[in-house]
Structure formats: structure tokens, C-alpha cells
Amino acid sequence: MKARTLTAPEIGLIAGTRVALGVGIGLLIAGRLGECARRGAGWALLSIGGLSTIPIVMHVRGKPEAAHL
């Protein structure tokens, strides 16, 4: 496995996309909101979380490997 170092803002950005994906999926399977609002918000958050993951993964994979101690 390759090791890469991440900064705190990068970790926060990754966590934010995971939260958006999770909330989007949760809204899609929950029944608390009205059908139309729930589906719209769920799909929007799922899409934002999924699409924003792609450039983040490309950025992290493009970073040089961490030096082994």
C-alpha cells in the first residue's frame, strides 16, 4: 500500500464529501420529509458528494508518496 500525507484541509474536504454522500443516501431511504423534497435533496447531496469525490481522489493519487522513516 502506498502512503501519502494529507493536510488537515484535505482531510476535512474528504470528510465533507463522505457526509454529503451519507446524508444524501439517508434522505433517499428515509420517510421523514415529503416525497418530492426528500428525493430532490437526497439526489442533490448524493450527486454533489459523488462528483466532488473524483477530483479529490485525483489530487490525492497525484501526490508523491510519503517518505518511509
PDB file of N, CA and C in Angstrom:
ATOM      1  N   MET A   1       0.837  -1.164   0.000  1.00  0.00           N
ATOM      2  CA  MET A   1       0.000   0.000   0.000  1.00  0.00           C
ATOM      3  C   MET A   1       0.890   1.238   0.000  1.00  0.00           C
ATOM      4  N   LYS A   2       0.503   2.213  -0.791  1.00  0.00           N
ATOM      5  CA  LYS A   2       1.248   3.465  -0.867  1.00  0.00           C
ATOM      6  C   LYS A   2       0.773   4.414   0.222  1.00  0.00           C
ATOM      7  N   ALA A   3       1.709   5.086   0.853  1.00  0.00           N
ATOM      8  CA  ALA A   3       1.373   6.048   1.904  1.00  0.00           C
ATOM      9  C   ALA A   3       1.543   7.461   1.360  1.00  0.00           C
ATOM     10  N   ARG A   4       0.562   8.306   1.652  1.00  0.00           N
ATOM     11  CA  ARG A   4       0.624   9.704   1.250  1.00  0.00           C
ATOM     12  C   ARG A   4       0.232  10.555   2.452  1.00  0.00           C
ATOM     13  N   THR A   5       0.839  11.711   2.570  1.00  0.00           N
ATOM     14  CA  THR A   5       0.480  12.599   3.670  1.00  0.00           C
ATOM     15  C   THR A   5      -0.624  13.548   3.206  1.00  0.00           C
ATOM     16  N   LEU A   6      -1.555  13.825   4.098  1.00  0.00           N
ATOM     17  CA  LEU A   6      -2.665  14.729   3.808  1.00  0.00           C
ATOM     18  C   LEU A   6      -2.659  15.860   4.816  1.00  0.00           C
ATOM     19  N   THR A   7      -3.025  17.035   4.359  1.00  0.00           N
ATOM     20  CA  THR A   7      -3.137  18.182   5.256  1.00  0.00           C
ATOM     21  C   THR A   7      -4.510  18.156   5.927  1.00  0.00           C
ATOM     22  N   ALA A   8      -4.668  18.934   6.972  1.00  0.00           N
ATOM     23  CA  ALA A   8      -5.956  18.999   7.673  1.00  0.00           C
ATOM     24  C   ALA A   8      -7.088  19.468   6.753  1.00  0.00           C
ATOM     25  N   PRO A   9      -6.879  20.494   5.900  1.00  0.00           N
ATOM     26  CA  PRO A   9      -7.966  20.885   4.989  1.00  0.00           C
ATOM     27  C   PRO A   9      -8.337  19.770   4.002  1.00  0.00           C
ATOM     28  N   GLU A  10      -7.366  19.005   3.554  1.00  0.00           N
ATOM     29  CA  GLU A  10      -7.667  17.897   2.647  1.00  0.00           C
ATOM     30  C   GLU A  10      -8.502  16.835   3.348  1.00  0.00           C
ATOM     31  N   ILE A  11      -8.164  16.545   4.593  1.00  0.00           N
ATOM     32  CA  ILE A  11      -8.933  15.564   5.355  1.00  0.00           C
ATOM     33  C   ILE A  11     -10.357  16.081   5.575  1.00  0.00           C
ATOM     34  N   GLY A  12     -10.488  17.375   5.875  1.00  0.00           N
ATOM     35  CA  GLY A  12     -11.816  17.967   6.046  1.00  0.00           C
ATOM     36  C   GLY A  12     -12.644  17.903   4.776  1.00  0.00           C
ATOM     37  N   LEU A  13     -12.019  18.141   3.643  1.00  0.00           N
ATOM     38  CA  LEU A  13     -12.719  18.078   2.361  1.00  0.00           C
ATOM     39  C   LEU A  13     -13.188  16.657   2.067  1.00  0.00           C
ATOM     40  N   ILE A  14     -12.333  15.694   2.330  1.00  0.00           N
ATOM     41  CA  ILE A  14     -12.709  14.290   2.129  1.00  0.00           C
ATOM     42  C   ILE A  14     -13.864  13.923   3.057  1.00  0.00           C
ATOM     43  N   ALA A  15     -13.783  14.340   4.307  1.00  0.00           N
ATOM     44  CA  ALA A  15     -14.857  14.047   5.257  1.00  0.00           C
ATOM     45  C   ALA A  15     -16.166  14.710   4.823  1.00  0.00           C
ATOM     46  N   GLY A  16     -16.078  15.923   4.306  1.00  0.00           N
ATOM     47  CA  GLY A  16     -17.276  16.623   3.845  1.00  0.00           C
ATOM     48  C   GLY A  16     -17.981  15.903   2.708  1.00  0.00           C
ATOM     49  N   THR A  17     -17.215  15.354   1.784  1.00  0.00           N
ATOM     50  CA  THR A  17     -17.841  14.619   0.684  1.00  0.00           C
ATOM     51  C   THR A  17     -18.482  13.337   1.188  1.00  0.00           C
ATOM     52  N   ARG A  18     -17.865  12.694   2.173  1.00  0.00           N
ATOM     53  CA  ARG A  18     -18.455  11.478   2.752  1.00  0.00           C
ATOM     54  C   ARG A  18     -19.759  11.821   3.466  1.00  0.00           C
ATOM     55  N   VAL A  19     -19.786  12.956   4.159  1.00  0.00           N
ATOM     56  CA  VAL A  19     -21.006  13.390   4.853  1.00  0.00           C
ATOM     57  C   VAL A  19     -22.109  13.659   3.846  1.00  0.00           C
ATOM     58  N   ALA A  20     -21.790  14.362   2.757  1.00  0.00           N
ATOM     59  CA  ALA A  20     -22.798  14.660   1.735  1.00  0.00           C
ATOM     60  C   ALA A  20     -23.354  13.369   1.139  1.00  0.00           C
ATOM     61  N   LEU A  21     -22.487  12.414   0.864  1.00  0.00           N
ATOM     62  CA  LEU A  21     -22.956  11.134   0.337  1.00  0.00           C
ATOM     63  C   LEU A  21     -23.864  10.427   1.340  1.00  0.00           C
ATOM     64  N   GLY A  22     -23.441  10.392   2.588  1.00  0.00           N
ATOM     65  CA  GLY A  22     -24.229   9.702   3.613  1.00  0.00           C
ATOM     66  C   GLY A  22     -25.581  10.350   3.849  1.00  0.00           C
ATOM     67  N   VAL A  23     -25.595  11.664   3.941  1.00  0.00           N
ATOM     68  CA  VAL A  23     -26.868  12.368   4.152  1.00  0.00           C
ATOM     69  C   VAL A  23     -27.781  12.185   2.939  1.00  0.00           C
ATOM     70  N   GLY A  24     -27.205  12.249   1.747  1.00  0.00           N
ATOM     71  CA  GLY A  24     -27.998  12.044   0.537  1.00  0.00           C
ATOM     72  C   GLY A  24     -28.632  10.667   0.499  1.00  0.00           C
ATOM     73  N   ILE A  25     -27.855   9.652   0.820  1.00  0.00           N
ATOM     74  CA  ILE A  25     -28.398   8.289   0.848  1.00  0.00           C
ATOM     75  C   ILE A  25     -29.447   8.160   1.948  1.00  0.00           C
ATOM     76  N   GLY A  26     -29.157   8.759   3.113  1.00  0.00           N
ATOM     77  CA  GLY A  26     -30.117   8.714   4.218  1.00  0.00           C
ATOM     78  C   GLY A  26     -31.445   9.361   3.859  1.00  0.00           C
ATOM     79  N   LEU A  27     -31.386  10.500   3.180  1.00  0.00           N
ATOM     80  CA  LEU A  27     -32.625  11.160   2.766  1.00  0.00           C
ATOM     81  C   LEU A  27     -33.399  10.333   1.747  1.00  0.00           C
ATOM     82  N   LEU A  28     -32.669   9.643   0.888  1.00  0.00           N
ATOM     83  CA  LEU A  28     -33.360   8.832  -0.119  1.00  0.00           C
ATOM     84  C   LEU A  28     -34.088   7.646   0.500  1.00  0.00           C
ATOM     85  N   ILE A  29     -33.559   7.105   1.591  1.00  0.00           N
ATOM     86  CA  ILE A  29     -34.211   5.934   2.183  1.00  0.00           C
ATOM     87  C   ILE A  29     -35.116   6.286   3.364  1.00  0.00           C
ATOM     88  N   ALA A  30     -35.055   7.507   3.854  1.00  0.00           N
ATOM     89  CA  ALA A  30     -35.884   7.915   4.998  1.00  0.00           C
ATOM     90  C   ALA A  30     -37.260   8.356   4.524  1.00  0.00           C
ATOM     91  N   GLY A  31     -38.173   8.431   5.451  1.00  0.00           N
ATOM     92  CA  GLY A  31     -39.524   8.833   5.101  1.00  0.00           C
ATOM     93  C   GLY A  31     -40.000  10.063   5.856  1.00  0.00           C
ATOM     94  N   ARG A  32     -39.088  10.848   6.412  1.00  0.00           N
ATOM     95  CA  ARG A  32     -39.475  11.978   7.270  1.00  0.00           C
ATOM     96  C   ARG A  32     -39.959  13.192   6.477  1.00  0.00           C
ATOM     97  N   LEU A  33     -39.371  13.503   5.367  1.00  0.00           N
ATOM     98  CA  LEU A  33     -39.779  14.659   4.567  1.00  0.00           C
ATOM     99  C   LEU A  33     -40.841  14.235   3.561  1.00  0.00           C
ATOM    100  N   GLY A  34     -41.414  15.220   2.921  1.00  0.00           N
ATOM    101  CA  GLY A  34     -42.334  14.912   1.834  1.00  0.00           C
ATOM    102  C   GLY A  34     -41.584  14.235   0.691  1.00  0.00           C
ATOM    103  N   GLU A  35     -42.284  13.459  -0.057  1.00  0.00           N
ATOM    104  CA  GLU A  35     -41.657  12.664  -1.128  1.00  0.00           C
ATOM    105  C   GLU A  35     -40.827  13.507  -2.095  1.00  0.00           C
ATOM    106  N   CYS A  36     -41.381  14.592  -2.574  1.00  0.00           N
ATOM    107  CA  CYS A  36     -40.698  15.418  -3.563  1.00  0.00           C
ATOM    108  C   CYS A  36     -39.459  16.097  -2.964  1.00  0.00           C
ATOM    109  N   ALA A  37     -39.597  16.682  -1.793  1.00  0.00           N
ATOM    110  CA  ALA A  37     -38.467  17.371  -1.143  1.00  0.00           C
ATOM    111  C   ALA A  37     -37.373  16.386  -0.777  1.00  0.00           C
ATOM    112  N   ARG A  38     -37.760  15.225  -0.257  1.00  0.00           N
ATOM    113  CA  ARG A  38     -36.794  14.210   0.151  1.00  0.00           C
ATOM    114  C   ARG A  38     -35.987  13.703  -1.040  1.00  0.00           C
ATOM    115  N   ARG A  39     -36.678  13.402  -2.120  1.00  0.00           N
ATOM    116  CA  ARG A  39     -35.982  12.898  -3.303  1.00  0.00           C
ATOM    117  C   ARG A  39     -35.071  13.948  -3.916  1.00  0.00           C
ATOM    118  N   GLY A  40     -35.539  15.187  -4.003  1.00  0.00           N
ATOM    119  CA  GLY A  40     -34.728  16.254  -4.574  1.00  0.00           C
ATOM    120  C   GLY A  40     -33.467  16.509  -3.771  1.00  0.00           C
ATOM    121  N   ALA A  41     -33.625  16.635  -2.459  1.00  0.00           N
ATOM    122  CA  ALA A  41     -32.466  16.878  -1.594  1.00  0.00           C
ATOM    123  C   ALA A  41     -31.540  15.677  -1.568  1.00  0.00           C
ATOM    124  N   GLY A  42     -32.111  14.502  -1.506  1.00  0.00           N
ATOM    125  CA  GLY A  42     -31.295  13.283  -1.469  1.00  0.00           C
ATOM    126  C   GLY A  42     -30.444  13.122  -2.711  1.00  0.00           C
ATOM    127  N   TRP A  43     -31.060  13.261  -3.874  1.00  0.00           N
ATOM    128  CA  TRP A  43     -30.306  13.118  -5.122  1.00  0.00           C
ATOM    129  C   TRP A  43     -29.271  14.228  -5.292  1.00  0.00           C
ATOM    130  N   ALA A  44     -29.607  15.439  -4.860  1.00  0.00           N
ATOM    131  CA  ALA A  44     -28.656  16.553  -4.960  1.00  0.00           C
ATOM    132  C   ALA A  44     -27.427  16.290  -4.099  1.00  0.00           C
ATOM    133  N   LEU A  45     -27.623  15.903  -2.842  1.00  0.00           N
ATOM    134  CA  LEU A  45     -26.491  15.631  -1.952  1.00  0.00           C
ATOM    135  C   LEU A  45     -25.692  14.428  -2.424  1.00  0.00           C
ATOM    136  N   LEU A  46     -26.371  13.397  -2.875  1.00  0.00           N
ATOM    137  CA  LEU A  46     -25.676  12.218  -3.390  1.00  0.00           C
ATOM    138  C   LEU A  46     -24.821  12.587  -4.604  1.00  0.00           C
ATOM    139  N   SER A  47     -25.363  13.384  -5.495  1.00  0.00           N
ATOM    140  CA  SER A  47     -24.622  13.809  -6.690  1.00  0.00           C
ATOM    141  C   SER A  47     -23.427  14.686  -6.338  1.00  0.00           C
ATOM    142  N   ILE A  48     -23.638  15.646  -5.451  1.00  0.00           N
ATOM    143  CA  ILE A  48     -22.544  16.536  -5.046  1.00  0.00           C
ATOM    144  C   ILE A  48     -21.440  15.737  -4.374  1.00  0.00           C
ATOM    145  N   GLY A  49     -21.810  14.860  -3.461  1.00  0.00           N
ATOM    146  CA  GLY A  49     -20.813  14.038  -2.773  1.00  0.00           C
ATOM    147  C   GLY A  49     -20.059  13.133  -3.726  1.00  0.00           C
ATOM    148  N   GLY A  50     -20.773  12.506  -4.639  1.00  0.00           N
ATOM    149  CA  GLY A  50     -20.121  11.600  -5.590  1.00  0.00           C
ATOM    150  C   GLY A  50     -19.237  12.312  -6.593  1.00  0.00           C
ATOM    151  N   LEU A  51     -19.739  13.402  -7.160  1.00  0.00           N
ATOM    152  CA  LEU A  51     -18.969  14.117  -8.178  1.00  0.00           C
ATOM    153  C   LEU A  51     -17.769  14.859  -7.597  1.00  0.00           C
ATOM    154  N   SER A  52     -17.889  15.347  -6.374  1.00  0.00           N
ATOM    155  CA  SER A  52     -16.755  16.047  -5.777  1.00  0.00           C
ATOM    156  C   SER A  52     -15.673  15.082  -5.318  1.00  0.00           C
ATOM    157  N   THR A  53     -15.996  13.817  -5.207  1.00  0.00           N
ATOM    158  CA  THR A  53     -15.003  12.817  -4.812  1.00  0.00           C
ATOM    159  C   THR A  53     -13.970  12.611  -5.912  1.00  0.00           C
ATOM    160  N   ILE A  54     -14.368  12.704  -7.154  1.00  0.00           N
ATOM    161  CA  ILE A  54     -13.467  12.410  -8.276  1.00  0.00           C
ATOM    162  C   ILE A  54     -12.244  13.317  -8.292  1.00  0.00           C
ATOM    163  N   PRO A  55     -12.378  14.646  -8.254  1.00  0.00           N
ATOM    164  CA  PRO A  55     -11.173  15.482  -8.262  1.00  0.00           C
ATOM    165  C   PRO A  55     -10.322  15.325  -6.997  1.00  0.00           C
ATOM    166  N   ILE A  56     -10.973  15.032  -5.866  1.00  0.00           N
ATOM    167  CA  ILE A  56     -10.212  14.836  -4.635  1.00  0.00           C
ATOM    168  C   ILE A  56      -9.344  13.586  -4.750  1.00  0.00           C
ATOM    169  N   VAL A  57      -9.906  12.512  -5.256  1.00  0.00           N
ATOM    170  CA  VAL A  57      -9.133  11.277  -5.434  1.00  0.00           C
ATOM    171  C   VAL A  57      -7.983  11.510  -6.411  1.00  0.00           C
ATOM    172  N   MET A  58      -8.234  12.234  -7.479  1.00  0.00           N
ATOM    173  CA  MET A  58      -7.173  12.513  -8.452  1.00  0.00           C
ATOM    174  C   MET A  58      -6.060  13.336  -7.806  1.00  0.00           C
ATOM    175  N   HIS A  59      -6.418  14.296  -6.956  1.00  0.00           N
ATOM    176  CA  HIS A  59      -5.419  15.119  -6.271  1.00  0.00           C
ATOM    177  C   HIS A  59      -4.578  14.278  -5.316  1.00  0.00           C
ATOM    178  N   VAL A  60      -5.240  13.446  -4.517  1.00  0.00           N
ATOM    179  CA  VAL A  60      -4.511  12.625  -3.543  1.00  0.00           C
ATOM    180  C   VAL A  60      -3.626  11.604  -4.243  1.00  0.00           C
ATOM    181  N   ARG A  61      -4.122  10.992  -5.306  1.00  0.00           N
ATOM    182  CA  ARG A  61      -3.299  10.000  -6.026  1.00  0.00           C
ATOM    183  C   ARG A  61      -2.110  10.649  -6.728  1.00  0.00           C
ATOM    184  N   GLY A  62      -2.221  11.929  -7.054  1.00  0.00           N
ATOM    185  CA  GLY A  62      -1.124  12.623  -7.725  1.00  0.00           C
ATOM    186  C   GLY A  62      -0.037  13.118  -6.789  1.00  0.00           C
ATOM    187  N   LYS A  63      -0.304  13.049  -5.479  1.00  0.00           N
ATOM    188  CA  LYS A  63       0.694  13.489  -4.504  1.00  0.00           C
ATOM    189  C   LYS A  63       1.833  12.474  -4.437  1.00  0.00           C
ATOM    190  N   PRO A  64       3.038  12.944  -4.163  1.00  0.00           N
ATOM    191  CA  PRO A  64       4.155  12.000  -4.028  1.00  0.00           C
ATOM    192  C   PRO A  64       3.966  11.131  -2.788  1.00  0.00           C
ATOM    193  N   GLU A  65       4.568   9.957  -2.828  1.00  0.00           N
ATOM    194  CA  GLU A  65       4.485   9.054  -1.694  1.00  0.00           C
ATOM    195  C   GLU A  65       5.219   9.638  -0.502  1.00  0.00           C
ATOM    196  N   ALA A  66       4.739   9.311   0.683  1.00  0.00           N
ATOM    197  CA  ALA A  66       5.377   9.785   1.912  1.00  0.00           C
ATOM    198  C   ALA A  66       6.697   9.053   2.104  1.00  0.00           C
ATOM    199  N   ALA A  67       7.677   9.749   2.628  1.00  0.00           N
ATOM    200  CA  ALA A  67       8.986   9.131   2.897  1.00  0.00           C
ATOM    201  C   ALA A  67       8.843   8.143   4.051  1.00  0.00           C
ATOM    202  N   HIS A  68       9.470   7.001   3.895  1.00  0.00           N
ATOM    203  CA  HIS A  68       9.446   5.996   4.950  1.00  0.00           C
ATOM    204  C   HIS A  68      10.491   6.338   5.984  1.00  0.00           C
ATOM    205  N   LEU A  69      10.103   6.224   7.237  1.00  0.00           N
ATOM    206  CA  LEU A  69      11.034   6.556   8.317  1.00  0.00           C
ATOM    207  C   LEU A  69      11.892   5.388   8.665  1.00  0.00           C
TER     208      LEU A  69
END
